[in-house]
Amino acid sequence: MLYEGAFVAERYTAVGSFVDKLISEGGAGLDPTVAGIITRARDIPAHRLFADQERLATLRTRALAELGDADALLLPTTPGHPTLAEVAADPLGANARLGRFTNSTNLFDLAAVAAPAGLTPAQLPFGVMLIGPAFTDGRLARIAALLQPQLSVAVIGAHLSGQPLNPQLLALGARRERTTTTAPAYRLHALPTTPPKPGLVHVRQGGAAIETEVWRLPAEGLGRLLASLPRPMTLGQVELADGSRVPGFLCEPDALTDAADITEYGGWRAYLDR
């Protein structure tokens, strides 16, 4: 209905006189496909618009009934990846195929959120679209976030729950997965800063288990977190009590010269509560 129906007349209403003027002056700068769509809309009769509006209302009612109380409808964002040559050979057909799911979403006044979803077997990007009734954008965005690649990060200090920097994790879409400890191979220090900051370092001997929270966050969020870390903090592999390894907050050894060793407290929170 978008390309072959009467709704395309809206485009002529918006820019038709401008396009007609350019054509009368030779058509320089006009895309012939776009110009053809707009100029053909000039002659669409009003009765076709009313007929299409009635048909659209009927289809929208049926679509919303099928959607029912579902949280979202998951569809591919597009059904394929046309080459530039394929688009040039059949621009209207290629664009119609690309809009197989998006066009109806617009016409039905639905909300939609697109999200990346990996690669096709041909190693081309693939995406999905979550569709819901109008004004459900927030819900769709939350569902889309669950589809994104998630990574774990181990925190031992100011990013712990209830600590001053924990809101940074929450702002990145992180959620706490579990509370555990590191493997008994680390020393914890209070750096001589104002306010004091924790510094975790791996040691070959004399280490202890340190209280740790494991958080899950989008991969992009972990990158932003790394970019925001001030020296001497770093992000490296931290071994947990169960033997698994996840990215976590560590400290450059050179920063420990005047730092107090607080390993005996077993964690940053216990040190603050001493």
Protein backbone atom coordinates (compact mmCIF):
# COMPACT_ATOMS: atom_id res chain seq x y z
CA MET A 1 0.00 0.00 0.00
CA LEU A 2 2.89 2.36 0.56
CA TYR A 3 4.24 2.45 -2.99
CA GLU A 4 1.24 1.34 -5.04
CA GLY A 5 -1.59 2.87 -3.01
CA ALA A 6 -2.95 6.38 -2.67
CA PHE A 7 -0.90 7.31 0.39
CA VAL A 8 2.01 8.20 -1.86
CA ALA A 9 0.00 11.29 -2.85
CA GLU A 10 1.15 12.79 0.45
CA ARG A 11 4.63 13.01 -1.02
CA TYR A 12 3.35 15.04 -3.94
CA THR A 13 1.56 17.37 -1.51
CA ALA A 14 4.83 17.89 0.35
CA VAL A 15 7.31 18.38 -2.51
CA GLY A 16 5.40 17.96 -5.77
CA SER A 17 5.51 21.57 -6.90
CA PHE A 18 9.23 21.71 -6.16
CA VAL A 19 9.89 18.54 -8.17
CA ASP A 20 7.71 19.77 -11.05
CA LYS A 21 9.71 23.00 -11.14
CA LEU A 22 13.02 21.14 -11.24
CA ILE A 23 11.75 18.89 -14.04
CA SER A 24 10.68 21.94 -16.06
CA GLU A 25 14.23 23.26 -15.67
CA GLY A 26 15.83 20.03 -16.89
CA GLY A 27 15.62 17.84 -13.78
CA ALA A 28 19.23 18.31 -12.69
CA GLY A 29 19.91 16.65 -9.35
CA LEU A 30 16.70 14.60 -9.30
CA ASP A 31 16.79 10.88 -8.72
CA PRO A 32 14.67 9.48 -11.56
CA THR A 33 13.10 6.77 -9.42
CA VAL A 34 12.08 9.15 -6.65
CA ALA A 35 10.92 11.78 -9.12
CA GLY A 36 8.79 9.19 -10.90
CA ILE A 37 7.08 8.11 -7.68
CA ILE A 38 6.27 11.70 -6.76
CA THR A 39 5.06 12.86 -10.16
CA ARG A 40 2.85 9.80 -10.69
CA ALA A 41 1.14 10.59 -7.40
CA ARG A 42 -0.12 13.84 -8.94
CA ASP A 43 -2.95 12.02 -10.71
CA ILE A 44 -4.18 9.77 -7.89
CA PRO A 45 -7.94 10.43 -7.43
CA ALA A 46 -9.34 11.27 -3.99
CA HIS A 47 -11.69 8.26 -3.95
CA ARG A 48 -8.65 5.94 -3.98
CA LEU A 49 -7.35 7.59 -0.83
CA PHE A 50 -10.62 6.98 1.02
CA ALA A 51 -10.71 3.38 -0.18
CA ASP A 52 -7.13 2.81 0.97
CA GLN A 53 -7.82 4.42 4.34
CA GLU A 54 -10.73 2.02 4.88
CA ARG A 55 -8.62 -0.96 3.85
CA LEU A 56 -5.77 0.15 6.09
CA ALA A 57 -8.11 0.51 9.08
CA THR A 58 -9.40 -3.02 8.51
CA LEU A 59 -5.89 -4.47 8.23
CA ARG A 60 -4.71 -2.57 11.31
CA THR A 61 -7.61 -3.91 13.38
CA ARG A 62 -6.77 -7.45 12.30
CA ALA A 63 -3.07 -6.95 13.01
CA LEU A 64 -3.68 -5.60 16.53
CA ALA A 65 -6.04 -8.49 17.25
CA GLU A 66 -3.31 -10.96 16.24
CA LEU A 67 -0.78 -9.10 18.38
CA GLY A 68 -3.15 -9.28 21.34
CA ASP A 69 -1.46 -8.86 24.71
CA ALA A 70 1.93 -10.13 23.54
CA ASP A 71 4.86 -8.14 24.89
CA ALA A 72 6.37 -7.87 21.40
CA LEU A 73 6.48 -9.38 17.94
CA LEU A 74 9.98 -10.40 16.81
CA LEU A 75 10.72 -10.16 13.08
CA PRO A 76 13.81 -9.71 10.90
CA THR A 77 14.51 -6.03 10.30
CA THR A 78 14.89 -6.79 6.59
CA PRO A 79 14.47 -10.03 4.63
CA GLY A 80 17.80 -9.82 2.79
CA HIS A 81 20.86 -7.87 1.66
CA PRO A 82 20.46 -6.59 -1.92
CA THR A 83 23.60 -5.50 -3.73
CA LEU A 84 23.94 -2.03 -5.20
CA ALA A 85 23.54 -3.57 -8.65
CA GLU A 86 20.29 -5.26 -7.61
CA VAL A 87 18.91 -2.00 -6.25
CA ALA A 88 19.91 -0.16 -9.42
CA ALA A 89 18.22 -2.79 -11.60
CA ASP A 90 14.94 -2.75 -9.66
CA PRO A 91 14.88 0.13 -7.16
CA LEU A 92 11.18 -0.05 -6.36
CA GLY A 93 11.15 -3.81 -5.98
CA ALA A 94 14.31 -3.86 -3.86
CA ASN A 95 13.04 -1.16 -1.53
CA ALA A 96 9.65 -2.80 -1.25
CA ARG A 97 11.33 -6.05 -0.21
CA LEU A 98 13.53 -4.25 2.30
CA GLY A 99 10.45 -2.63 3.81
CA ARG A 100 8.42 -5.83 4.04
CA PHE A 101 8.14 -5.52 7.82
CA THR A 102 8.94 -1.85 8.43
CA ASN A 103 6.37 -0.43 6.00
CA SER A 104 3.42 -2.09 7.71
CA THR A 105 4.74 -1.02 11.10
CA ASN A 106 4.64 2.61 9.99
CA LEU A 107 1.25 2.36 8.33
CA PHE A 108 -0.29 0.62 11.36
CA ASP A 109 1.11 3.28 13.74
CA LEU A 110 3.03 0.70 15.76
CA ALA A 111 6.19 1.13 17.81
CA ALA A 112 9.36 -0.71 16.83
CA VAL A 113 12.95 -1.07 17.98
CA ALA A 114 15.65 -2.58 15.77
CA ALA A 115 18.65 -4.39 17.25
CA PRO A 116 21.72 -6.16 15.83
CA ALA A 117 21.52 -9.94 16.07
CA GLY A 118 24.78 -11.37 14.79
CA LEU A 119 25.73 -12.47 11.28
CA THR A 120 24.16 -14.52 8.52
CA PRO A 121 25.88 -17.69 7.20
CA ALA A 122 27.37 -15.41 4.52
CA GLN A 123 28.90 -13.28 7.30
CA LEU A 124 26.63 -10.32 6.58
CA PRO A 125 25.07 -8.33 9.43
CA PHE A 126 21.67 -9.52 10.60
CA GLY A 127 19.18 -7.61 12.69
CA VAL A 128 15.81 -8.12 14.30
CA MET A 129 12.93 -5.78 14.99
CA LEU A 130 10.67 -5.84 18.04
CA ILE A 131 7.18 -4.52 17.30
CA GLY A 132 4.43 -3.51 19.71
CA PRO A 133 1.48 -1.13 20.00
CA ALA A 134 2.08 2.61 19.84
CA PHE A 135 3.87 4.12 22.86
CA THR A 136 5.43 0.83 24.00
CA ASP A 137 8.87 2.04 22.94
CA GLY A 138 10.31 1.76 26.45
CA ARG A 139 9.22 -1.84 26.86
CA LEU A 140 10.56 -2.77 23.43
CA ALA A 141 13.89 -1.12 24.21
CA ARG A 142 14.20 -3.11 27.44
CA ILE A 143 13.50 -6.36 25.59
CA ALA A 144 15.97 -5.40 22.86
CA ALA A 145 18.65 -4.85 25.49
CA LEU A 146 18.24 -8.48 26.57
CA LEU A 147 19.08 -9.58 23.02
CA GLN A 148 22.43 -7.81 23.01
CA PRO A 149 25.67 -9.68 23.73
CA GLN A 150 26.27 -9.61 27.47
CA LEU A 151 29.58 -9.80 29.30
CA SER A 152 30.44 -10.29 32.95
CA VAL A 153 32.60 -7.90 34.95
CA ALA A 154 33.97 -8.42 38.46
CA VAL A 155 33.92 -5.42 40.81
CA ILE A 156 35.60 -5.24 44.21
CA GLY A 157 35.41 -1.61 45.31
CA ALA A 158 33.59 1.62 44.60
CA HIS A 159 31.37 -0.07 41.97
CA LEU A 160 29.92 -2.55 44.48
CA SER A 161 26.22 -2.34 45.28
CA GLY A 162 25.53 0.68 47.47
CA GLN A 163 28.94 2.23 46.80
CA PRO A 164 29.44 5.66 45.20
CA LEU A 165 30.30 4.48 41.67
CA ASN A 166 27.66 1.75 41.42
CA PRO A 167 25.30 4.14 39.52
CA GLN A 168 27.84 4.08 36.67
CA LEU A 169 27.17 0.37 36.20
CA LEU A 170 23.42 0.85 36.40
CA ALA A 171 23.57 3.62 33.79
CA LEU A 172 25.32 1.19 31.42
CA GLY A 173 22.46 -1.31 31.74
CA ALA A 174 24.30 -3.63 34.13
CA ARG A 175 22.57 -6.00 36.54
CA ARG A 176 24.10 -7.88 39.44
CA GLU A 177 24.53 -11.58 38.73
CA ARG A 178 25.99 -12.86 41.98
CA THR A 179 28.23 -12.15 44.96
CA THR A 180 31.31 -14.33 45.31
CA THR A 181 35.03 -14.01 45.98
CA THR A 182 38.15 -14.07 43.93
CA ALA A 183 40.38 -17.10 43.92
CA PRO A 184 42.85 -16.97 46.88
CA ALA A 185 45.47 -15.33 44.72
CA TYR A 186 44.99 -11.58 45.27
CA ARG A 187 46.00 -8.78 47.62
CA LEU A 188 43.76 -5.79 48.29
CA HIS A 189 45.15 -2.33 49.00
CA ALA A 190 43.75 1.06 49.97
CA LEU A 191 45.36 3.57 47.62
CA PRO A 192 46.54 6.89 49.12
CA THR A 193 43.90 8.94 47.33
CA THR A 194 41.10 11.21 48.53
CA PRO A 195 38.78 9.49 49.04
CA PRO A 196 40.67 6.18 49.30
CA LYS A 197 40.23 3.76 46.40
CA PRO A 198 40.79 0.00 46.36
CA GLY A 199 43.59 -1.60 44.39
CA LEU A 200 43.44 -5.31 43.60
CA VAL A 201 46.55 -7.11 42.38
CA HIS A 202 47.26 -10.73 41.52
CA VAL A 203 50.12 -12.37 43.43
CA ARG A 204 51.91 -15.67 42.99
CA GLN A 205 52.10 -16.36 46.73
CA GLY A 206 50.41 -15.08 49.87
CA GLY A 207 47.11 -14.25 48.22
CA ALA A 208 43.63 -14.36 49.70
CA ALA A 209 40.02 -14.50 48.54
CA ILE A 210 38.50 -11.03 48.15
CA GLU A 211 34.76 -10.25 48.15
CA THR A 212 33.59 -9.69 44.59
CA GLU A 213 30.34 -8.90 42.82
CA VAL A 214 29.85 -10.17 39.28
CA TRP A 215 27.71 -7.93 37.08
CA ARG A 216 26.34 -8.54 33.58
CA LEU A 217 26.26 -5.69 31.11
CA PRO A 218 26.10 -5.14 27.34
CA ALA A 219 29.42 -5.56 25.55
CA GLU A 220 29.26 -1.94 24.41
CA GLY A 221 28.80 -0.89 28.04
CA LEU A 222 31.96 -2.70 29.09
CA GLY A 223 33.87 -0.78 26.43
CA ARG A 224 32.54 2.52 27.73
CA LEU A 225 33.41 1.49 31.28
CA LEU A 226 36.98 0.71 30.26
CA ALA A 227 37.30 4.06 28.48
CA SER A 228 36.23 5.88 31.66
CA LEU A 229 38.71 4.18 34.02
CA PRO A 230 41.31 6.56 35.48
CA ARG A 231 44.83 5.44 36.20
CA PRO A 232 46.02 3.43 38.04
CA MET A 233 42.88 1.33 37.56
CA THR A 234 42.88 -1.25 34.77
CA LEU A 235 40.59 -3.94 33.44
CA GLY A 236 42.00 -7.46 33.28
CA GLN A 237 41.09 -11.10 33.80
CA VAL A 238 40.12 -11.87 37.41
CA GLU A 239 39.97 -15.48 38.58
CA LEU A 240 36.92 -16.22 40.72
CA ALA A 241 36.43 -18.77 43.49
CA ASP A 242 34.92 -21.30 41.09
CA GLY A 243 37.93 -21.12 38.78
CA SER A 244 36.23 -19.07 36.07
CA ARG A 245 37.82 -15.91 34.74
CA VAL A 246 35.98 -12.69 33.92
CA PRO A 247 37.09 -9.12 33.19
CA GLY A 248 37.47 -7.18 36.42
CA PHE A 249 38.99 -4.15 38.08
CA LEU A 250 42.69 -4.42 38.83
CA CYS A 251 45.39 -1.94 39.78
CA GLU A 252 48.78 -1.11 38.30
CA PRO A 253 51.42 -2.50 40.70
CA ASP A 254 53.41 0.76 40.59
CA ALA A 255 50.54 2.52 42.40
CA LEU A 256 50.96 0.38 45.53
CA THR A 257 54.14 2.03 46.83
CA ASP A 258 52.39 4.02 49.58
CA ALA A 259 49.17 2.00 49.68
CA ALA A 260 47.98 0.18 52.80
CA ASP A 261 47.55 -3.58 52.47
CA ILE A 262 44.00 -4.33 53.64
CA THR A 263 43.77 -7.94 52.48
CA GLU A 264 43.02 -9.10 56.04
CA TYR A 265 39.56 -7.53 55.84
CA GLY A 266 38.54 -9.81 52.98
CA GLY A 267 36.94 -7.06 50.94
CA TRP A 268 36.52 -3.35 50.39
CA ARG A 269 33.14 -3.15 52.10
CA ALA A 270 34.46 -4.80 55.26
CA TYR A 271 37.41 -2.40 55.26
CA LEU A 272 35.08 0.62 55.10
CA ASP A 273 32.95 -0.82 57.93
CA ARG A 274 35.92 -1.54 60.20
